[in-house]
Amino acid sequence: MFIIILHYKKPLATVERHLAAHAEYLDGLYREKKIIFSGPRIPRTGGVILARHLTREEAEAQILKDPFYMHGVADYELLECKATKFDTSFEVFLDS
């Protein structure tokens, strides 16, 4: 499981211009069951994506396909983790 943290490096006006393409990219990952949630950081300095069913290499390859990455809108921090304690309602999201 990966936590992907986006750090915007462009003004929000530039982020907004690429937001629809970024959302469409994320929709594809949701359809493939590769991500659990995504959303903006508060304050809006970037975003957070929780990904699953990916190797590190696959996660890195997916980042390269993100329009925010392709247009230089954000830098990415990729954190790999394994949930060892969790609420039982979260169990459905864990890699088997």
PDB file of N, CA and C in Angstrom:
ATOM      1  N   MET A   1       0.857  -1.162   0.000  1.00  0.00           N
ATOM      2  CA  MET A   1       0.000   0.000   0.000  1.00  0.00           C
ATOM      3  C   MET A   1       0.905   1.228   0.000  1.00  0.00           C
ATOM      4  N   PHE A   2       0.484   2.242  -0.717  1.00  0.00           N
ATOM      5  CA  PHE A   2       1.288   3.466  -0.831  1.00  0.00           C
ATOM      6  C   PHE A   2       0.463   4.701  -0.495  1.00  0.00           C
ATOM      7  N   ILE A   3       1.078   5.602   0.203  1.00  0.00           N
ATOM      8  CA  ILE A   3       0.538   6.943   0.380  1.00  0.00           C
ATOM      9  C   ILE A   3       1.349   7.815  -0.568  1.00  0.00           C
ATOM     10  N   ILE A   4       0.666   8.461  -1.494  1.00  0.00           N
ATOM     11  CA  ILE A   4       1.330   9.337  -2.458  1.00  0.00           C
ATOM     12  C   ILE A   4       0.962  10.766  -2.091  1.00  0.00           C
ATOM     13  N   ILE A   5       1.970  11.544  -1.766  1.00  0.00           N
ATOM     14  CA  ILE A   5       1.749  12.929  -1.361  1.00  0.00           C
ATOM     15  C   ILE A   5       2.224  13.832  -2.490  1.00  0.00           C
ATOM     16  N   LEU A   6       1.310  14.659  -2.974  1.00  0.00           N
ATOM     17  CA  LEU A   6       1.635  15.624  -4.019  1.00  0.00           C
ATOM     18  C   LEU A   6       1.923  16.967  -3.375  1.00  0.00           C
ATOM     19  N   HIS A   7       2.969  17.617  -3.848  1.00  0.00           N
ATOM     20  CA  HIS A   7       3.353  18.951  -3.391  1.00  0.00           C
ATOM     21  C   HIS A   7       3.279  19.870  -4.612  1.00  0.00           C
ATOM     22  N   TYR A   8       2.303  20.778  -4.629  1.00  0.00           N
ATOM     23  CA  TYR A   8       2.186  21.688  -5.769  1.00  0.00           C
ATOM     24  C   TYR A   8       3.422  22.563  -5.863  1.00  0.00           C
ATOM     25  N   LYS A   9       3.913  22.736  -7.087  1.00  0.00           N
ATOM     26  CA  LYS A   9       5.033  23.637  -7.309  1.00  0.00           C
ATOM     27  C   LYS A   9       4.675  24.749  -8.280  1.00  0.00           C
ATOM     28  N   LYS A  10       3.403  24.819  -8.629  1.00  0.00           N
ATOM     29  CA  LYS A  10       2.869  25.876  -9.498  1.00  0.00           C
ATOM     30  C   LYS A  10       1.729  26.572  -8.758  1.00  0.00           C
ATOM     31  N   PRO A  11       1.376  27.783  -9.156  1.00  0.00           N
ATOM     32  CA  PRO A  11       0.255  28.490  -8.520  1.00  0.00           C
ATOM     33  C   PRO A  11      -1.060  27.729  -8.714  1.00  0.00           C
ATOM     34  N   LEU A  12      -2.016  27.954  -7.812  1.00  0.00           N
ATOM     35  CA  LEU A  12      -3.304  27.261  -7.889  1.00  0.00           C
ATOM     36  C   LEU A  12      -4.020  27.487  -9.223  1.00  0.00           C
ATOM     37  N   ALA A  13      -3.813  28.619  -9.860  1.00  0.00           N
ATOM     38  CA  ALA A  13      -4.432  28.866 -11.165  1.00  0.00           C
ATOM     39  C   ALA A  13      -3.934  27.832 -12.182  1.00  0.00           C
ATOM     40  N   THR A  14      -2.676  27.478 -12.118  1.00  0.00           N
ATOM     41  CA  THR A  14      -2.120  26.454 -13.006  1.00  0.00           C
ATOM     42  C   THR A  14      -2.647  25.078 -12.620  1.00  0.00           C
ATOM     43  N   VAL A  15      -2.721  24.804 -11.332  1.00  0.00           N
ATOM     44  CA  VAL A  15      -3.281  23.539 -10.846  1.00  0.00           C
ATOM     45  C   VAL A  15      -4.692  23.366 -11.402  1.00  0.00           C
ATOM     46  N   GLU A  16      -5.510  24.415 -11.290  1.00  0.00           N
ATOM     47  CA  GLU A  16      -6.900  24.359 -11.759  1.00  0.00           C
ATOM     48  C   GLU A  16      -6.988  24.050 -13.252  1.00  0.00           C
ATOM     49  N   ARG A  17      -6.065  24.571 -14.050  1.00  0.00           N
ATOM     50  CA  ARG A  17      -6.095  24.313 -15.500  1.00  0.00           C
ATOM     51  C   ARG A  17      -5.896  22.835 -15.823  1.00  0.00           C
ATOM     52  N   HIS A  18      -5.216  22.108 -14.961  1.00  0.00           N
ATOM     53  CA  HIS A  18      -4.929  20.695 -15.209  1.00  0.00           C
ATOM     54  C   HIS A  18      -5.773  19.755 -14.342  1.00  0.00           C
ATOM     55  N   LEU A  19      -6.670  20.315 -13.536  1.00  0.00           N
ATOM     56  CA  LEU A  19      -7.436  19.519 -12.579  1.00  0.00           C
ATOM     57  C   LEU A  19      -8.368  18.514 -13.255  1.00  0.00           C
ATOM     58  N   ALA A  20      -9.045  18.883 -14.328  1.00  0.00           N
ATOM     59  CA  ALA A  20      -9.974  17.957 -14.994  1.00  0.00           C
ATOM     60  C   ALA A  20      -9.215  16.747 -15.549  1.00  0.00           C
ATOM     61  N   ALA A  21      -8.062  16.973 -16.161  1.00  0.00           N
ATOM     62  CA  ALA A  21      -7.266  15.869 -16.699  1.00  0.00           C
ATOM     63  C   ALA A  21      -6.740  14.984 -15.567  1.00  0.00           C
ATOM     64  N   HIS A  22      -6.332  15.592 -14.470  1.00  0.00           N
ATOM     65  CA  HIS A  22      -5.867  14.841 -13.304  1.00  0.00           C
ATOM     66  C   HIS A  22      -6.999  13.980 -12.750  1.00  0.00           C
ATOM     67  N   ALA A  23      -8.196  14.552 -12.643  1.00  0.00           N
ATOM     68  CA  ALA A  23      -9.353  13.810 -12.133  1.00  0.00           C
ATOM     69  C   ALA A  23      -9.696  12.634 -13.052  1.00  0.00           C
ATOM     70  N   GLU A  24      -9.609  12.837 -14.352  1.00  0.00           N
ATOM     71  CA  GLU A  24      -9.877  11.762 -15.310  1.00  0.00           C
ATOM     72  C   GLU A  24      -8.839  10.639 -15.155  1.00  0.00           C
ATOM     73  N   TYR A  25      -7.599  11.005 -14.972  1.00  0.00           N
ATOM     74  CA  TYR A  25      -6.536  10.034 -14.715  1.00  0.00           C
ATOM     75  C   TYR A  25      -6.855   9.222 -13.454  1.00  0.00           C
ATOM     76  N   LEU A  26      -7.257   9.903 -12.386  1.00  0.00           N
ATOM     77  CA  LEU A  26      -7.600   9.213 -11.140  1.00  0.00           C
ATOM     78  C   LEU A  26      -8.803   8.300 -11.328  1.00  0.00           C
ATOM     79  N   ASP A  27      -9.789   8.730 -12.122  1.00  0.00           N
ATOM     80  CA  ASP A  27     -10.972   7.895 -12.379  1.00  0.00           C
ATOM     81  C   ASP A  27     -10.569   6.544 -12.955  1.00  0.00           C
ATOM     82  N   GLY A  28      -9.585   6.531 -13.837  1.00  0.00           N
ATOM     83  CA  GLY A  28      -9.095   5.276 -14.397  1.00  0.00           C
ATOM     84  C   GLY A  28      -8.500   4.378 -13.327  1.00  0.00           C
ATOM     85  N   LEU A  29      -7.762   4.957 -12.389  1.00  0.00           N
ATOM     86  CA  LEU A  29      -7.183   4.176 -11.298  1.00  0.00           C
ATOM     87  C   LEU A  29      -8.262   3.647 -10.365  1.00  0.00           C
ATOM     88  N   TYR A  30      -9.332   4.433 -10.146  1.00  0.00           N
ATOM     89  CA  TYR A  30     -10.456   3.939  -9.348  1.00  0.00           C
ATOM     90  C   TYR A  30     -11.120   2.755 -10.041  1.00  0.00           C
ATOM     91  N   ARG A  31     -11.332   2.845 -11.350  1.00  0.00           N
ATOM     92  CA  ARG A  31     -11.949   1.740 -12.095  1.00  0.00           C
ATOM     93  C   ARG A  31     -11.108   0.469 -11.997  1.00  0.00           C
ATOM     94  N   GLU A  32      -9.796   0.622 -11.973  1.00  0.00           N
ATOM     95  CA  GLU A  32      -8.889  -0.522 -11.863  1.00  0.00           C
ATOM     96  C   GLU A  32      -8.699  -0.983 -10.415  1.00  0.00           C
ATOM     97  N   LYS A  33      -9.373  -0.322  -9.474  1.00  0.00           N
ATOM     98  CA  LYS A  33      -9.265  -0.640  -8.041  1.00  0.00           C
ATOM     99  C   LYS A  33      -7.838  -0.464  -7.523  1.00  0.00           C
ATOM    100  N   LYS A  34      -7.128   0.507  -8.093  1.00  0.00           N
ATOM    101  CA  LYS A  34      -5.740   0.762  -7.697  1.00  0.00           C
ATOM    102  C   LYS A  34      -5.629   1.821  -6.606  1.00  0.00           C
ATOM    103  N   ILE A  35      -6.673   2.645  -6.420  1.00  0.00           N
ATOM    104  CA  ILE A  35      -6.620   3.647  -5.356  1.00  0.00           C
ATOM    105  C   ILE A  35      -7.877   3.576  -4.496  1.00  0.00           C
ATOM    106  N   ILE A  36      -7.700   3.938  -3.243  1.00  0.00           N
ATOM    107  CA  ILE A  36      -8.775   3.883  -2.259  1.00  0.00           C
ATOM    108  C   ILE A  36      -9.391   5.253  -2.046  1.00  0.00           C
ATOM    109  N   PHE A  37      -8.552   6.278  -1.970  1.00  0.00           N
ATOM    110  CA  PHE A  37      -9.071   7.645  -1.870  1.00  0.00           C
ATOM    111  C   PHE A  37      -8.046   8.609  -2.432  1.00  0.00           C
ATOM    112  N   SER A  38      -8.531   9.799  -2.730  1.00  0.00           N
ATOM    113  CA  SER A  38      -7.673  10.888  -3.196  1.00  0.00           C
ATOM    114  C   SER A  38      -8.343  12.193  -2.813  1.00  0.00           C
ATOM    115  N   GLY A  39      -7.531  13.223  -2.668  1.00  0.00           N
ATOM    116  CA  GLY A  39      -8.116  14.523  -2.362  1.00  0.00           C
ATOM    117  C   GLY A  39      -7.048  15.552  -2.063  1.00  0.00           C
ATOM    118  N   PRO A  40      -7.471  16.818  -1.993  1.00  0.00           N
ATOM    119  CA  PRO A  40      -6.526  17.908  -1.739  1.00  0.00           C
ATOM    120  C   PRO A  40      -6.076  17.928  -0.280  1.00  0.00           C
ATOM    121  N   ARG A  41      -4.867  18.424  -0.083  1.00  0.00           N
ATOM    122  CA  ARG A  41      -4.388  18.672   1.271  1.00  0.00           C
ATOM    123  C   ARG A  41      -5.029  19.959   1.769  1.00  0.00           C
ATOM    124  N   ILE A  42      -5.081  20.097   3.089  1.00  0.00           N
ATOM    125  CA  ILE A  42      -5.616  21.311   3.703  1.00  0.00           C
ATOM    126  C   ILE A  42      -4.541  21.864   4.615  1.00  0.00           C
ATOM    127  N   PRO A  43      -4.009  23.044   4.347  1.00  0.00           N
ATOM    128  CA  PRO A  43      -4.375  23.945   3.262  1.00  0.00           C
ATOM    129  C   PRO A  43      -3.987  23.347   1.910  1.00  0.00           C
ATOM    130  N   ARG A  44      -4.505  23.918   0.851  1.00  0.00           N
ATOM    131  CA  ARG A  44      -4.379  23.356  -0.490  1.00  0.00           C
ATOM    132  C   ARG A  44      -2.981  23.604  -1.072  1.00  0.00           C
ATOM    133  N   THR A  45      -2.047  22.799  -0.593  1.00  0.00           N
ATOM    134  CA  THR A  45      -0.664  22.881  -1.050  1.00  0.00           C
ATOM    135  C   THR A  45      -0.272  21.655  -1.869  1.00  0.00           C
ATOM    136  N   GLY A  46      -1.243  20.780  -2.114  1.00  0.00           N
ATOM    137  CA  GLY A  46      -0.993  19.547  -2.842  1.00  0.00           C
ATOM    138  C   GLY A  46      -2.145  18.590  -2.644  1.00  0.00           C
ATOM    139  N   GLY A  47      -1.858  17.306  -2.739  1.00  0.00           N
ATOM    140  CA  GLY A  47      -2.897  16.302  -2.600  1.00  0.00           C
ATOM    141  C   GLY A  47      -2.356  15.033  -1.972  1.00  0.00           C
ATOM    142  N   VAL A  48      -3.281  14.097  -1.716  1.00  0.00           N
ATOM    143  CA  VAL A  48      -2.939  12.814  -1.117  1.00  0.00           C
ATOM    144  C   VAL A  48      -3.718  11.730  -1.858  1.00  0.00           C
ATOM    145  N   ILE A  49      -3.038  10.634  -2.163  1.00  0.00           N
ATOM    146  CA  ILE A  49      -3.661   9.475  -2.801  1.00  0.00           C
ATOM    147  C   ILE A  49      -3.265   8.251  -1.990  1.00  0.00           C
ATOM    148  N   LEU A  50      -4.228   7.392  -1.673  1.00  0.00           N
ATOM    149  CA  LEU A  50      -3.930   6.119  -1.035  1.00  0.00           C
ATOM    150  C   LEU A  50      -4.100   5.037  -2.097  1.00  0.00           C
ATOM    151  N   ALA A  51      -2.993   4.360  -2.429  1.00  0.00           N
ATOM    152  CA  ALA A  51      -2.979   3.380  -3.513  1.00  0.00           C
ATOM    153  C   ALA A  51      -2.756   1.973  -2.968  1.00  0.00           C
ATOM    154  N   ARG A  52      -3.247   0.995  -3.731  1.00  0.00           N
ATOM    155  CA  ARG A  52      -3.066  -0.404  -3.341  1.00  0.00           C
ATOM    156  C   ARG A  52      -2.876  -1.267  -4.581  1.00  0.00           C
ATOM    157  N   HIS A  53      -2.554  -2.535  -4.370  1.00  0.00           N
ATOM    158  CA  HIS A  53      -2.385  -3.498  -5.464  1.00  0.00           C
ATOM    159  C   HIS A  53      -1.343  -3.037  -6.479  1.00  0.00           C
ATOM    160  N   LEU A  54      -0.303  -2.376  -6.000  1.00  0.00           N
ATOM    161  CA  LEU A  54       0.774  -1.905  -6.871  1.00  0.00           C
ATOM    162  C   LEU A  54       2.116  -2.256  -6.253  1.00  0.00           C
ATOM    163  N   THR A  55       3.079  -2.594  -7.089  1.00  0.00           N
ATOM    164  CA  THR A  55       4.459  -2.679  -6.627  1.00  0.00           C
ATOM    165  C   THR A  55       5.022  -1.258  -6.642  1.00  0.00           C
ATOM    166  N   ARG A  56       6.176  -1.061  -6.058  1.00  0.00           N
ATOM    167  CA  ARG A  56       6.801   0.258  -6.087  1.00  0.00           C
ATOM    168  C   ARG A  56       7.035   0.704  -7.529  1.00  0.00           C
ATOM    169  N   GLU A  57       7.493  -0.222  -8.362  1.00  0.00           N
ATOM    170  CA  GLU A  57       7.753   0.115  -9.767  1.00  0.00           C
ATOM    171  C   GLU A  57       6.460   0.527 -10.482  1.00  0.00           C
ATOM    172  N   GLU A  58       5.379  -0.173 -10.206  1.00  0.00           N
ATOM    173  CA  GLU A  58       4.087   0.182 -10.817  1.00  0.00           C
ATOM    174  C   GLU A  58       3.598   1.537 -10.314  1.00  0.00           C
ATOM    175  N   ALA A  59       3.774   1.793  -9.024  1.00  0.00           N
ATOM    176  CA  ALA A  59       3.359   3.084  -8.464  1.00  0.00           C
ATOM    177  C   ALA A  59       4.158   4.217  -9.094  1.00  0.00           C
ATOM    178  N   GLU A  60       5.467   4.024  -9.227  1.00  0.00           N
ATOM    179  CA  GLU A  60       6.308   5.042  -9.860  1.00  0.00           C
ATOM    180  C   GLU A  60       5.903   5.248 -11.315  1.00  0.00           C
ATOM    181  N   ALA A  61       5.573   4.172 -12.020  1.00  0.00           N
ATOM    182  CA  ALA A  61       5.146   4.281 -13.419  1.00  0.00           C
ATOM    183  C   ALA A  61       3.814   5.016 -13.526  1.00  0.00           C
ATOM    184  N   GLN A  62       2.914   4.793 -12.579  1.00  0.00           N
ATOM    185  CA  GLN A  62       1.619   5.479 -12.598  1.00  0.00           C
ATOM    186  C   GLN A  62       1.806   6.982 -12.390  1.00  0.00           C
ATOM    187  N   ILE A  63       2.697   7.360 -11.510  1.00  0.00           N
ATOM    188  CA  ILE A  63       2.951   8.780 -11.268  1.00  0.00           C
ATOM    189  C   ILE A  63       3.348   9.476 -12.565  1.00  0.00           C
ATOM    190  N   LEU A  64       4.163   8.819 -13.370  1.00  0.00           N
ATOM    191  CA  LEU A  64       4.625   9.413 -14.633  1.00  0.00           C
ATOM    192  C   LEU A  64       3.483   9.686 -15.609  1.00  0.00           C
ATOM    193  N   LYS A  65       2.347   9.001 -15.428  1.00  0.00           N
ATOM    194  CA  LYS A  65       1.183   9.164 -16.307  1.00  0.00           C
ATOM    195  C   LYS A  65       0.227  10.259 -15.837  1.00  0.00           C
ATOM    196  N   ASP A  66       0.436  10.751 -14.633  1.00  0.00           N
ATOM    197  CA  ASP A  66      -0.456  11.771 -14.065  1.00  0.00           C
ATOM    198  C   ASP A  66      -0.225  13.102 -14.780  1.00  0.00           C
ATOM    199  N   PRO A  67      -1.297  13.731 -15.296  1.00  0.00           N
ATOM    200  CA  PRO A  67      -1.135  15.036 -15.946  1.00  0.00           C
ATOM    201  C   PRO A  67      -0.460  16.082 -15.058  1.00  0.00           C
ATOM    202  N   PHE A  68      -0.666  16.026 -13.753  1.00  0.00           N
ATOM    203  CA  PHE A  68       0.027  16.959 -12.863  1.00  0.00           C
ATOM    204  C   PHE A  68       1.536  16.756 -12.963  1.00  0.00           C
ATOM    205  N   TYR A  69       1.977  15.511 -13.069  1.00  0.00           N
ATOM    206  CA  TYR A  69       3.404  15.233 -13.220  1.00  0.00           C
ATOM    207  C   TYR A  69       3.875  15.658 -14.612  1.00  0.00           C
ATOM    208  N   MET A  70       3.141  15.260 -15.621  1.00  0.00           N
ATOM    209  CA  MET A  70       3.541  15.516 -17.007  1.00  0.00           C
ATOM    210  C   MET A  70       3.657  17.008 -17.303  1.00  0.00           C
ATOM    211  N   HIS A  71       2.870  17.841 -16.626  1.00  0.00           N
ATOM    212  CA  HIS A  71       2.899  19.294 -16.864  1.00  0.00           C
ATOM    213  C   HIS A  71       3.686  20.046 -15.787  1.00  0.00           C
ATOM    214  N   GLY A  72       4.395  19.310 -14.933  1.00  0.00           N
ATOM    215  CA  GLY A  72       5.243  19.949 -13.932  1.00  0.00           C
ATOM    216  C   GLY A  72       4.488  20.690 -12.851  1.00  0.00           C
ATOM    217  N   VAL A  73       3.246  20.276 -12.583  1.00  0.00           N
ATOM    218  CA  VAL A  73       2.415  20.954 -11.591  1.00  0.00           C
ATOM    219  C   VAL A  73       2.794  20.558 -10.166  1.00  0.00           C
ATOM    220  N   ALA A  74       3.213  19.289  -9.988  1.00  0.00           N
ATOM    221  CA  ALA A  74       3.454  18.796  -8.626  1.00  0.00           C
ATOM    222  C   ALA A  74       4.678  17.906  -8.570  1.00  0.00           C
ATOM    223  N   ASP A  75       5.287  17.887  -7.390  1.00  0.00           N
ATOM    224  CA  ASP A  75       6.287  16.889  -7.044  1.00  0.00           C
ATOM    225  C   ASP A  75       5.569  15.805  -6.250  1.00  0.00           C
ATOM    226  N   TYR A  76       6.129  14.594  -6.256  1.00  0.00           N
ATOM    227  CA  TYR A  76       5.479  13.448  -5.631  1.00  0.00           C
ATOM    228  C   TYR A  76       6.387  12.823  -4.589  1.00  0.00           C
ATOM    229  N   GLU A  77       5.781  12.452  -3.466  1.00  0.00           N
ATOM    230  CA  GLU A  77       6.463  11.704  -2.417  1.00  0.00           C
ATOM    231  C   GLU A  77       5.742  10.367  -2.301  1.00  0.00           C
ATOM    232  N   LEU A  78       6.459   9.273  -2.448  1.00  0.00           N
ATOM    233  CA  LEU A  78       5.873   7.941  -2.458  1.00  0.00           C
ATOM    234  C   LEU A  78       6.279   7.218  -1.177  1.00  0.00           C
ATOM    235  N   LEU A  79       5.301   6.959  -0.307  1.00  0.00           N
ATOM    236  CA  LEU A  79       5.556   6.307   0.976  1.00  0.00           C
ATOM    237  C   LEU A  79       4.912   4.924   0.964  1.00  0.00           C
ATOM    238  N   GLU A  80       5.717   3.878   1.110  1.00  0.00           N
ATOM    239  CA  GLU A  80       5.168   2.526   1.169  1.00  0.00           C
ATOM    240  C   GLU A  80       4.887   2.178   2.625  1.00  0.00           C
ATOM    241  N   CYS A  81       3.748   1.529   2.860  1.00  0.00           N
ATOM    242  CA  CYS A  81       3.391   1.158   4.225  1.00  0.00           C
ATOM    243  C   CYS A  81       2.585  -0.134   4.217  1.00  0.00           C
ATOM    244  N   LYS A  82       2.494  -0.743   5.388  1.00  0.00           N
ATOM    245  CA  LYS A  82       1.690  -1.948   5.572  1.00  0.00           C
ATOM    246  C   LYS A  82       0.828  -1.721   6.804  1.00  0.00           C
ATOM    247  N   ALA A  83      -0.479  -1.819   6.618  1.00  0.00           N
ATOM    248  CA  ALA A  83      -1.398  -1.644   7.744  1.00  0.00           C
ATOM    249  C   ALA A  83      -1.345  -2.894   8.622  1.00  0.00           C
ATOM    250  N   THR A  84      -0.965  -2.724   9.868  1.00  0.00           N
ATOM    251  CA  THR A  84      -0.939  -3.850  10.796  1.00  0.00           C
ATOM    252  C   THR A  84      -2.030  -3.724  11.857  1.00  0.00           C
ATOM    253  N   LYS A  85      -2.491  -2.514  12.080  1.00  0.00           N
ATOM    254  CA  LYS A  85      -3.639  -2.269  12.959  1.00  0.00           C
ATOM    255  C   LYS A  85      -4.599  -1.377  12.191  1.00  0.00           C
ATOM    256  N   PHE A  86      -5.875  -1.701  12.243  1.00  0.00           N
ATOM    257  CA  PHE A  86      -6.863  -0.945  11.494  1.00  0.00           C
ATOM    258  C   PHE A  86      -8.252  -1.278  12.003  1.00  0.00           C
ATOM    259  N   ASP A  87      -9.176  -0.387  11.785  1.00  0.00           N
ATOM    260  CA  ASP A  87     -10.576  -0.632  12.064  1.00  0.00           C
ATOM    261  C   ASP A  87     -11.054  -1.738  11.134  1.00  0.00           C
ATOM    262  N   THR A  88     -11.881  -2.621  11.611  1.00  0.00           N
ATOM    263  CA  THR A  88     -12.331  -3.755  10.794  1.00  0.00           C
ATOM    264  C   THR A  88     -13.037  -3.314   9.504  1.00  0.00           C
ATOM    265  N   SER A  89     -13.623  -2.144   9.494  1.00  0.00           N
ATOM    266  CA  SER A  89     -14.295  -1.670   8.270  1.00  0.00           C
ATOM    267  C   SER A  89     -13.287  -1.317   7.176  1.00  0.00           C
ATOM    268  N   PHE A  90     -12.012  -1.183   7.515  1.00  0.00           N
ATOM    269  CA  PHE A  90     -10.981  -0.872   6.537  1.00  0.00           C
ATOM    270  C   PHE A  90     -10.397  -2.124   5.882  1.00  0.00           C
ATOM    271  N   GLU A  91     -10.656  -3.277   6.480  1.00  0.00           N
ATOM    272  CA  GLU A  91     -10.054  -4.538   6.025  1.00  0.00           C
ATOM    273  C   GLU A  91     -10.319  -4.837   4.556  1.00  0.00           C
ATOM    274  N   VAL A  92     -11.445  -4.427   4.039  1.00  0.00           N
ATOM    275  CA  VAL A  92     -11.792  -4.681   2.641  1.00  0.00           C
ATOM    276  C   VAL A  92     -10.785  -4.034   1.686  1.00  0.00           C
ATOM    277  N   PHE A  93     -10.080  -3.009   2.114  1.00  0.00           N
ATOM    278  CA  PHE A  93      -9.145  -2.287   1.262  1.00  0.00           C
ATOM    279  C   PHE A  93      -7.716  -2.843   1.288  1.00  0.00           C
ATOM    280  N   LEU A  94      -7.439  -3.782   2.158  1.00  0.00           N
ATOM    281  CA  LEU A  94      -6.085  -4.276   2.332  1.00  0.00           C
ATOM    282  C   LEU A  94      -5.714  -5.272   1.241  1.00  0.00           C
ATOM    283  N   ASP A  95      -4.443  -5.257   0.882  1.00  0.00           N
ATOM    284  CA  ASP A  95      -3.917  -6.251  -0.053  1.00  0.00           C
ATOM    285  C   ASP A  95      -3.952  -7.603   0.641  1.00  0.00           C
ATOM    286  N   SER A  96      -4.298  -8.627  -0.118  1.00  0.00           N
ATOM    287  CA  SER A  96      -4.335  -9.966   0.519  1.00  0.00           C
ATOM    288  C   SER A  96      -3.015 -10.665   0.409  1.00  0.00           C
TER     289      SER A  96
END
